[in-house]
Amino acid sequence: MAWLGTWPADMNALLECAMEIGQMNFKVMSILDAGETTKYGHPNADSGQRQSD
């Protein structure tokens, strides 16, 4: 990503870099989701009402 700070002018290179960053983001989100669901399970919808203790 530091490469973007060099102000590259090649649009094809910019597109390729953007796609690689997007793929990396997708992989990271997948890893985070797997960790979250492994630890806490899948989220369940509820009525939104809470019981007082």
PDB file of N, CA and C in Angstrom:
ATOM      1  N   MET A   1       0.811  -1.188   0.000  1.00  0.00           N
ATOM      2  CA  MET A   1       0.000   0.000   0.000  1.00  0.00           C
ATOM      3  C   MET A   1       0.856   1.255   0.000  1.00  0.00           C
ATOM      4  N   ALA A   2       2.081   1.152   0.471  1.00  0.00           N
ATOM      5  CA  ALA A   2       2.968   2.313   0.450  1.00  0.00           C
ATOM      6  C   ALA A   2       3.212   2.766  -0.984  1.00  0.00           C
ATOM      7  N   TRP A   3       3.118   1.836  -1.916  1.00  0.00           N
ATOM      8  CA  TRP A   3       3.309   2.149  -3.331  1.00  0.00           C
ATOM      9  C   TRP A   3       2.325   3.218  -3.790  1.00  0.00           C
ATOM     10  N   LEU A   4       1.123   3.237  -3.223  1.00  0.00           N
ATOM     11  CA  LEU A   4       0.130   4.235  -3.614  1.00  0.00           C
ATOM     12  C   LEU A   4       0.596   5.648  -3.279  1.00  0.00           C
ATOM     13  N   GLY A   5       1.471   5.791  -2.291  1.00  0.00           N
ATOM     14  CA  GLY A   5       1.998   7.094  -1.921  1.00  0.00           C
ATOM     15  C   GLY A   5       2.989   7.661  -2.919  1.00  0.00           C
ATOM     16  N   THR A   6       3.396   6.855  -3.883  1.00  0.00           N
ATOM     17  CA  THR A   6       4.325   7.327  -4.913  1.00  0.00           C
ATOM     18  C   THR A   6       3.597   7.999  -6.067  1.00  0.00           C
ATOM     19  N   TRP A   7       2.283   8.116  -5.983  1.00  0.00           N
ATOM     20  CA  TRP A   7       1.435   8.721  -7.004  1.00  0.00           C
ATOM     21  C   TRP A   7       1.639   8.056  -8.369  1.00  0.00           C
ATOM     22  N   PRO A   8       1.406   6.747  -8.462  1.00  0.00           N
ATOM     23  CA  PRO A   8       1.579   6.060  -9.742  1.00  0.00           C
ATOM     24  C   PRO A   8       0.574   6.577 -10.777  1.00  0.00           C
ATOM     25  N   ALA A   9       1.008   6.659 -12.028  1.00  0.00           N
ATOM     26  CA  ALA A   9       0.154   7.182 -13.094  1.00  0.00           C
ATOM     27  C   ALA A   9      -0.434   6.085 -13.976  1.00  0.00           C
ATOM     28  N   ASP A  10       0.079   4.883 -13.876  1.00  0.00           N
ATOM     29  CA  ASP A  10      -0.380   3.780 -14.720  1.00  0.00           C
ATOM     30  C   ASP A  10      -1.708   3.239 -14.184  1.00  0.00           C
ATOM     31  N   MET A  11      -2.787   3.467 -14.928  1.00  0.00           N
ATOM     32  CA  MET A  11      -4.120   3.058 -14.476  1.00  0.00           C
ATOM     33  C   MET A  11      -4.241   1.543 -14.325  1.00  0.00           C
ATOM     34  N   ASN A  12      -3.599   0.785 -15.202  1.00  0.00           N
ATOM     35  CA  ASN A  12      -3.662  -0.671 -15.091  1.00  0.00           C
ATOM     36  C   ASN A  12      -2.978  -1.148 -13.816  1.00  0.00           C
ATOM     37  N   ALA A  13      -1.861  -0.531 -13.482  1.00  0.00           N
ATOM     38  CA  ALA A  13      -1.156  -0.885 -12.249  1.00  0.00           C
ATOM     39  C   ALA A  13      -1.989  -0.507 -11.032  1.00  0.00           C
ATOM     40  N   LEU A  14      -2.661   0.650 -11.094  1.00  0.00           N
ATOM     41  CA  LEU A  14      -3.534   1.064  -9.991  1.00  0.00           C
ATOM     42  C   LEU A  14      -4.682   0.083  -9.807  1.00  0.00           C
ATOM     43  N   LEU A  15      -5.293  -0.328 -10.907  1.00  0.00           N
ATOM     44  CA  LEU A  15      -6.399  -1.284 -10.835  1.00  0.00           C
ATOM     45  C   LEU A  15      -5.926  -2.612 -10.260  1.00  0.00           C
ATOM     46  N   GLU A  16      -4.778  -3.086 -10.719  1.00  0.00           N
ATOM     47  CA  GLU A  16      -4.234  -4.342 -10.207  1.00  0.00           C
ATOM     48  C   GLU A  16      -3.958  -4.249  -8.709  1.00  0.00           C
ATOM     49  N   CYS A  17      -3.379  -3.136  -8.276  1.00  0.00           N
ATOM     50  CA  CYS A  17      -3.092  -2.940  -6.855  1.00  0.00           C
ATOM     51  C   CYS A  17      -4.387  -2.892  -6.050  1.00  0.00           C
ATOM     52  N   ALA A  18      -5.392  -2.191  -6.567  1.00  0.00           N
ATOM     53  CA  ALA A  18      -6.678  -2.104  -5.873  1.00  0.00           C
ATOM     54  C   ALA A  18      -7.325  -3.480  -5.745  1.00  0.00           C
ATOM     55  N   MET A  19      -7.229  -4.287  -6.784  1.00  0.00           N
ATOM     56  CA  MET A  19      -7.801  -5.635  -6.740  1.00  0.00           C
ATOM     57  C   MET A  19      -7.063  -6.505  -5.724  1.00  0.00           C
ATOM     58  N   GLU A  20      -5.746  -6.383  -5.658  1.00  0.00           N
ATOM     59  CA  GLU A  20      -4.970  -7.149  -4.685  1.00  0.00           C
ATOM     60  C   GLU A  20      -5.322  -6.739  -3.257  1.00  0.00           C
ATOM     61  N   ILE A  21      -5.493  -5.438  -3.032  1.00  0.00           N
ATOM     62  CA  ILE A  21      -5.886  -4.958  -1.707  1.00  0.00           C
ATOM     63  C   ILE A  21      -7.269  -5.487  -1.356  1.00  0.00           C
ATOM     64  N   GLY A  22      -8.184  -5.492  -2.322  1.00  0.00           N
ATOM     65  CA  GLY A  22      -9.524  -6.029  -2.096  1.00  0.00           C
ATOM     66  C   GLY A  22      -9.495  -7.510  -1.762  1.00  0.00           C
ATOM     67  N   GLN A  23      -8.672  -8.273  -2.458  1.00  0.00           N
ATOM     68  CA  GLN A  23      -8.548  -9.702  -2.168  1.00  0.00           C
ATOM     69  C   GLN A  23      -7.986  -9.919  -0.770  1.00  0.00           C
ATOM     70  N   MET A  24      -6.997  -9.118  -0.390  1.00  0.00           N
ATOM     71  CA  MET A  24      -6.421  -9.224   0.943  1.00  0.00           C
ATOM     72  C   MET A  24      -7.481  -8.902   2.000  1.00  0.00           C
ATOM     73  N   ASN A  25      -8.265  -7.871   1.755  1.00  0.00           N
ATOM     74  CA  ASN A  25      -9.332  -7.490   2.671  1.00  0.00           C
ATOM     75  C   ASN A  25     -10.336  -8.626   2.823  1.00  0.00           C
ATOM     76  N   PHE A  26     -10.710  -9.258   1.716  1.00  0.00           N
ATOM     77  CA  PHE A  26     -11.656 -10.364   1.747  1.00  0.00           C
ATOM     78  C   PHE A  26     -11.110 -11.522   2.584  1.00  0.00           C
ATOM     79  N   LYS A  27      -9.830 -11.838   2.422  1.00  0.00           N
ATOM     80  CA  LYS A  27      -9.212 -12.920   3.191  1.00  0.00           C
ATOM     81  C   LYS A  27      -9.191 -12.593   4.682  1.00  0.00           C
ATOM     82  N   VAL A  28      -8.835 -11.356   5.018  1.00  0.00           N
ATOM     83  CA  VAL A  28      -8.792 -10.948   6.427  1.00  0.00           C
ATOM     84  C   VAL A  28     -10.180 -11.027   7.044  1.00  0.00           C
ATOM     85  N   MET A  29     -11.198 -10.542   6.335  1.00  0.00           N
ATOM     86  CA  MET A  29     -12.566 -10.589   6.859  1.00  0.00           C
ATOM     87  C   MET A  29     -13.031 -12.032   7.036  1.00  0.00           C
ATOM     88  N   SER A  30     -12.629 -12.916   6.144  1.00  0.00           N
ATOM     89  CA  SER A  30     -12.974 -14.330   6.259  1.00  0.00           C
ATOM     90  C   SER A  30     -12.335 -14.945   7.498  1.00  0.00           C
ATOM     91  N   ILE A  31     -11.078 -14.617   7.753  1.00  0.00           N
ATOM     92  CA  ILE A  31     -10.381 -15.124   8.940  1.00  0.00           C
ATOM     93  C   ILE A  31     -11.041 -14.598  10.212  1.00  0.00           C
ATOM     94  N   LEU A  32     -11.365 -13.300  10.226  1.00  0.00           N
ATOM     95  CA  LEU A  32     -12.026 -12.719  11.397  1.00  0.00           C
ATOM     96  C   LEU A  32     -13.397 -13.350  11.632  1.00  0.00           C
ATOM     97  N   ASP A  33     -14.152 -13.576  10.562  1.00  0.00           N
ATOM     98  CA  ASP A  33     -15.468 -14.191  10.687  1.00  0.00           C
ATOM     99  C   ASP A  33     -15.350 -15.610  11.234  1.00  0.00           C
ATOM    100  N   ALA A  34     -14.383 -16.372  10.737  1.00  0.00           N
ATOM    101  CA  ALA A  34     -14.191 -17.741  11.217  1.00  0.00           C
ATOM    102  C   ALA A  34     -13.846 -17.745  12.702  1.00  0.00           C
ATOM    103  N   GLY A  35     -12.984 -16.842  13.126  1.00  0.00           N
ATOM    104  CA  GLY A  35     -12.626 -16.762  14.542  1.00  0.00           C
ATOM    105  C   GLY A  35     -13.809 -16.377  15.404  1.00  0.00           C
ATOM    106  N   GLU A  36     -14.590 -15.423  14.946  1.00  0.00           N
ATOM    107  CA  GLU A  36     -15.759 -14.952  15.694  1.00  0.00           C
ATOM    108  C   GLU A  36     -16.808 -16.056  15.838  1.00  0.00           C
ATOM    109  N   THR A  37     -17.134 -16.725  14.732  1.00  0.00           N
ATOM    110  CA  THR A  37     -18.168 -17.761  14.811  1.00  0.00           C
ATOM    111  C   THR A  37     -17.669 -18.997  15.549  1.00  0.00           C
ATOM    112  N   THR A  38     -16.364 -19.269  15.491  1.00  0.00           N
ATOM    113  CA  THR A  38     -15.820 -20.389  16.263  1.00  0.00           C
ATOM    114  C   THR A  38     -15.932 -20.108  17.752  1.00  0.00           C
ATOM    115  N   LYS A  39     -15.638 -18.889  18.141  1.00  0.00           N
ATOM    116  CA  LYS A  39     -15.652 -18.515  19.557  1.00  0.00           C
ATOM    117  C   LYS A  39     -17.072 -18.314  20.091  1.00  0.00           C
ATOM    118  N   TYR A  40     -17.913 -17.605  19.340  1.00  0.00           N
ATOM    119  CA  TYR A  40     -19.219 -17.194  19.857  1.00  0.00           C
ATOM    120  C   TYR A  40     -20.408 -17.824  19.138  1.00  0.00           C
ATOM    121  N   GLY A  41     -20.173 -18.565  18.073  1.00  0.00           N
ATOM    122  CA  GLY A  41     -21.268 -19.152  17.310  1.00  0.00           C
ATOM    123  C   GLY A  41     -21.873 -18.137  16.350  1.00  0.00           C
ATOM    124  N   HIS A  42     -22.851 -18.599  15.594  1.00  0.00           N
ATOM    125  CA  HIS A  42     -23.516 -17.722  14.634  1.00  0.00           C
ATOM    126  C   HIS A  42     -24.499 -16.822  15.368  1.00  0.00           C
ATOM    127  N   PRO A  43     -24.601 -15.566  14.971  1.00  0.00           N
ATOM    128  CA  PRO A  43     -25.536 -14.659  15.642  1.00  0.00           C
ATOM    129  C   PRO A  43     -26.982 -15.085  15.396  1.00  0.00           C
ATOM    130  N   ASN A  44     -27.812 -14.876  16.398  1.00  0.00           N
ATOM    131  CA  ASN A  44     -29.231 -15.196  16.295  1.00  0.00           C
ATOM    132  C   ASN A  44     -30.036 -13.921  16.467  1.00  0.00           C
ATOM    133  N   ALA A  45     -31.060 -13.786  15.660  1.00  0.00           N
ATOM    134  CA  ALA A  45     -31.965 -12.648  15.819  1.00  0.00           C
ATOM    135  C   ALA A  45     -32.852 -12.909  17.029  1.00  0.00           C
ATOM    136  N   ASP A  46     -33.116 -11.866  17.802  1.00  0.00           N
ATOM    137  CA  ASP A  46     -34.026 -12.002  18.933  1.00  0.00           C
ATOM    138  C   ASP A  46     -35.030 -10.859  18.891  1.00  0.00           C
ATOM    139  N   SER A  47     -35.899 -10.808  19.858  1.00  0.00           N
ATOM    140  CA  SER A  47     -36.948  -9.788  19.868  1.00  0.00           C
ATOM    141  C   SER A  47     -36.424  -8.426  20.296  1.00  0.00           C
ATOM    142  N   GLY A  48     -35.200  -8.367  20.783  1.00  0.00           N
ATOM    143  CA  GLY A  48     -34.631  -7.105  21.228  1.00  0.00           C
ATOM    144  C   GLY A  48     -34.992  -6.757  22.659  1.00  0.00           C
ATOM    145  N   GLN A  49     -35.777  -7.592  23.314  1.00  0.00           N
ATOM    146  CA  GLN A  49     -36.163  -7.316  24.697  1.00  0.00           C
ATOM    147  C   GLN A  49     -35.214  -8.041  25.634  1.00  0.00           C
ATOM    148  N   ARG A  50     -34.812  -7.367  26.677  1.00  0.00           N
ATOM    149  CA  ARG A  50     -33.889  -7.938  27.657  1.00  0.00           C
ATOM    150  C   ARG A  50     -34.598  -8.095  28.989  1.00  0.00           C
ATOM    151  N   GLN A  51     -34.240  -9.146  29.687  1.00  0.00           N
ATOM    152  CA  GLN A  51     -34.788  -9.351  31.029  1.00  0.00           C
ATOM    153  C   GLN A  51     -33.895  -8.625  32.020  1.00  0.00           C
ATOM    154  N   SER A  52     -34.492  -7.998  33.001  1.00  0.00           N
ATOM    155  CA  SER A  52     -33.690  -7.332  34.027  1.00  0.00           C
ATOM    156  C   SER A  52     -33.240  -8.362  35.051  1.00  0.00           C
ATOM    157  N   ASP A  53     -32.039  -8.175  35.562  1.00  0.00           N
ATOM    158  CA  ASP A  53     -31.490  -9.110  36.559  1.00  0.00           C
ATOM    159  C   ASP A  53     -31.930  -8.769  37.950  1.00  0.00           C
TER     160      ASP A  53
END
